[in-house]
C-alpha cells in the first residue's frame, strides 16, 4: 500500500461528504473530538467530579 497524497485525500473527503452529507460529517467530527478529549483526560487521571485545588481567577 502506498502513501496517500493530497489529491487522494480530497477525493476521499468528497466521497464521504456525498455519502453522508455535510451536517452528519461535521457532527461525527465533533463527536470524535469530544471522545479524544475525554480519552486524554482519562489518561491524565482527571475527573470532572473532583474539585480543582486552584481558586478561580475571576
N, C-alpha and C. Protein backbone atom coordinates (compact mmCIF):
# COMPACT_ATOMS: atom_id res chain seq x y z
N UNK A 1 0.85 -1.17 0.00
CA UNK A 1 0.00 0.00 0.00
C UNK A 1 0.89 1.23 0.00
N UNK A 2 0.58 2.20 -0.84
CA UNK A 2 1.39 3.39 -0.98
C UNK A 2 0.89 4.54 -0.12
N UNK A 3 1.60 5.62 -0.20
CA UNK A 3 1.22 6.81 0.55
C UNK A 3 0.05 7.51 -0.14
N UNK A 4 -0.81 8.11 0.68
CA UNK A 4 -1.92 8.88 0.14
C UNK A 4 -1.47 10.33 -0.04
N UNK A 5 -1.69 10.87 -1.21
CA UNK A 5 -1.35 12.25 -1.48
C UNK A 5 -2.52 13.17 -1.20
N UNK A 6 -2.31 14.43 -1.41
CA UNK A 6 -3.34 15.43 -1.17
C UNK A 6 -4.56 15.21 -2.07
N UNK A 7 -4.32 14.90 -3.32
CA UNK A 7 -5.43 14.68 -4.25
C UNK A 7 -6.29 13.51 -3.83
N UNK A 8 -5.67 12.43 -3.38
CA UNK A 8 -6.43 11.26 -2.94
C UNK A 8 -7.25 11.57 -1.70
N UNK A 9 -6.66 12.31 -0.74
CA UNK A 9 -7.39 12.66 0.47
C UNK A 9 -8.58 13.55 0.18
N UNK A 10 -8.42 14.51 -0.73
CA UNK A 10 -9.53 15.37 -1.12
C UNK A 10 -10.64 14.56 -1.78
N UNK A 11 -10.28 13.62 -2.63
CA UNK A 11 -11.26 12.76 -3.29
C UNK A 11 -12.01 11.90 -2.27
N UNK A 12 -11.31 11.34 -1.31
CA UNK A 12 -11.95 10.53 -0.27
C UNK A 12 -12.90 11.39 0.55
N UNK A 13 -12.47 12.60 0.93
CA UNK A 13 -13.33 13.50 1.69
C UNK A 13 -14.58 13.87 0.91
N UNK A 14 -14.44 14.12 -0.39
CA UNK A 14 -15.59 14.46 -1.22
C UNK A 14 -16.58 13.30 -1.28
N UNK A 15 -16.10 12.09 -1.40
CA UNK A 15 -16.99 10.92 -1.44
C UNK A 15 -17.72 10.75 -0.12
N UNK A 16 -17.01 10.94 1.00
CA UNK A 16 -17.63 10.81 2.32
C UNK A 16 -18.71 11.87 2.50
N UNK A 17 -18.45 13.11 2.08
CA UNK A 17 -19.44 14.18 2.19
C UNK A 17 -20.65 13.87 1.31
N UNK A 18 -20.44 13.34 0.12
CA UNK A 18 -21.55 12.99 -0.76
C UNK A 18 -22.40 11.86 -0.17
N UNK A 19 -21.75 10.90 0.48
CA UNK A 19 -22.48 9.78 1.05
C UNK A 19 -23.27 10.16 2.30
N UNK A 20 -22.66 10.92 3.19
CA UNK A 20 -23.27 11.19 4.49
C UNK A 20 -23.87 12.57 4.62
N UNK A 21 -23.45 13.52 3.84
CA UNK A 21 -23.93 14.89 3.97
C UNK A 21 -23.04 15.71 4.90
N UNK A 22 -23.04 17.01 4.71
CA UNK A 22 -22.15 17.89 5.46
C UNK A 22 -22.50 17.90 6.94
N UNK A 23 -23.79 17.95 7.27
CA UNK A 23 -24.20 18.01 8.67
C UNK A 23 -23.77 16.80 9.46
N UNK A 24 -23.96 15.64 8.89
CA UNK A 24 -23.60 14.42 9.60
C UNK A 24 -22.10 14.29 9.74
N UNK A 25 -21.34 14.67 8.71
CA UNK A 25 -19.88 14.59 8.78
C UNK A 25 -19.36 15.53 9.86
N UNK A 26 -19.90 16.75 9.96
CA UNK A 26 -19.44 17.68 10.98
C UNK A 26 -19.81 17.20 12.38
N UNK A 27 -20.99 16.59 12.51
CA UNK A 27 -21.40 16.05 13.81
C UNK A 27 -20.49 14.90 14.24
N UNK A 28 -20.16 14.04 13.30
CA UNK A 28 -19.26 12.93 13.60
C UNK A 28 -17.88 13.46 14.00
N UNK A 29 -17.41 14.49 13.30
CA UNK A 29 -16.13 15.10 13.65
C UNK A 29 -16.14 15.68 15.05
N UNK A 30 -17.23 16.35 15.41
CA UNK A 30 -17.35 16.91 16.75
C UNK A 30 -17.39 15.84 17.82
N UNK A 31 -18.09 14.75 17.55
CA UNK A 31 -18.16 13.65 18.50
C UNK A 31 -16.81 12.98 18.66
N UNK A 32 -16.08 12.85 17.56
CA UNK A 32 -14.74 12.26 17.66
C UNK A 32 -13.81 13.16 18.46
N UNK A 33 -13.91 14.48 18.27
CA UNK A 33 -13.09 15.41 19.04
C UNK A 33 -13.38 15.32 20.53
N UNK A 34 -14.67 15.24 20.88
CA UNK A 34 -15.05 15.11 22.29
C UNK A 34 -14.55 13.80 22.87
N UNK A 35 -14.63 12.73 22.10
CA UNK A 35 -14.15 11.44 22.57
C UNK A 35 -12.64 11.46 22.81
N UNK A 36 -11.90 12.11 21.92
CA UNK A 36 -10.45 12.20 22.09
C UNK A 36 -10.11 13.02 23.33
N UNK A 37 -10.84 14.14 23.55
CA UNK A 37 -10.60 14.95 24.76
C UNK A 37 -10.86 14.14 26.02
N UNK A 38 -11.95 13.38 26.06
CA UNK A 38 -12.27 12.56 27.22
C UNK A 38 -11.22 11.47 27.42
N UNK A 39 -10.74 10.89 26.34
CA UNK A 39 -9.70 9.86 26.43
C UNK A 39 -8.44 10.43 27.03
N UNK A 40 -8.04 11.62 26.58
CA UNK A 40 -6.83 12.26 27.12
C UNK A 40 -7.00 12.62 28.59
N UNK A 41 -8.21 13.07 28.97
CA UNK A 41 -8.46 13.34 30.39
C UNK A 41 -8.31 12.06 31.21
N UNK A 42 -8.81 10.97 30.67
CA UNK A 42 -8.69 9.69 31.36
C UNK A 42 -7.25 9.25 31.52
N UNK A 43 -6.44 9.51 30.51
CA UNK A 43 -5.02 9.15 30.61
C UNK A 43 -4.31 9.97 31.67
N UNK A 44 -4.72 11.25 31.81
CA UNK A 44 -4.09 12.12 32.81
C UNK A 44 -4.66 11.86 34.20
N UNK A 45 -5.77 11.15 34.28
CA UNK A 45 -6.38 10.85 35.57
C UNK A 45 -7.27 11.96 36.09
N UNK A 46 -7.74 12.83 35.23
CA UNK A 46 -8.61 13.92 35.66
C UNK A 46 -10.05 13.43 35.72
N UNK A 47 -10.77 13.89 36.72
CA UNK A 47 -12.20 13.59 36.86
C UNK A 47 -12.95 14.90 36.90
N UNK A 48 -14.14 14.92 36.33
CA UNK A 48 -14.97 16.11 36.42
C UNK A 48 -15.60 16.23 37.80
N UNK A 49 -15.72 15.11 38.53
CA UNK A 49 -16.38 15.12 39.82
C UNK A 49 -15.49 15.69 40.92
N UNK A 50 -14.19 15.64 40.76
CA UNK A 50 -13.29 16.13 41.78
C UNK A 50 -13.08 17.63 41.60
N UNK A 51 -13.18 18.40 42.67
CA UNK A 51 -12.99 19.85 42.55
C UNK A 51 -11.52 20.18 42.34
N UNK A 52 -11.28 21.31 41.68
CA UNK A 52 -9.92 21.77 41.45
C UNK A 52 -9.36 22.38 42.73
N UNK A 53 -8.06 22.25 42.95
CA UNK A 53 -7.42 22.82 44.12
C UNK A 53 -7.08 24.29 43.92
N UNK A 54 -7.12 24.77 42.69
CA UNK A 54 -6.77 26.16 42.41
C UNK A 54 -8.02 27.03 42.46
N UNK A 55 -7.93 28.21 43.10
CA UNK A 55 -9.10 29.09 43.12
C UNK A 55 -9.33 29.74 41.77
N UNK A 56 -10.57 30.19 41.56
CA UNK A 56 -10.92 30.86 40.31
C UNK A 56 -10.19 32.19 40.21
N UNK A 57 -9.79 32.56 39.00
CA UNK A 57 -9.09 33.80 38.76
C UNK A 57 -10.05 34.90 38.33
N UNK A 58 -11.36 34.73 38.53
CA UNK A 58 -12.36 35.71 38.08
C UNK A 58 -12.35 36.96 38.91
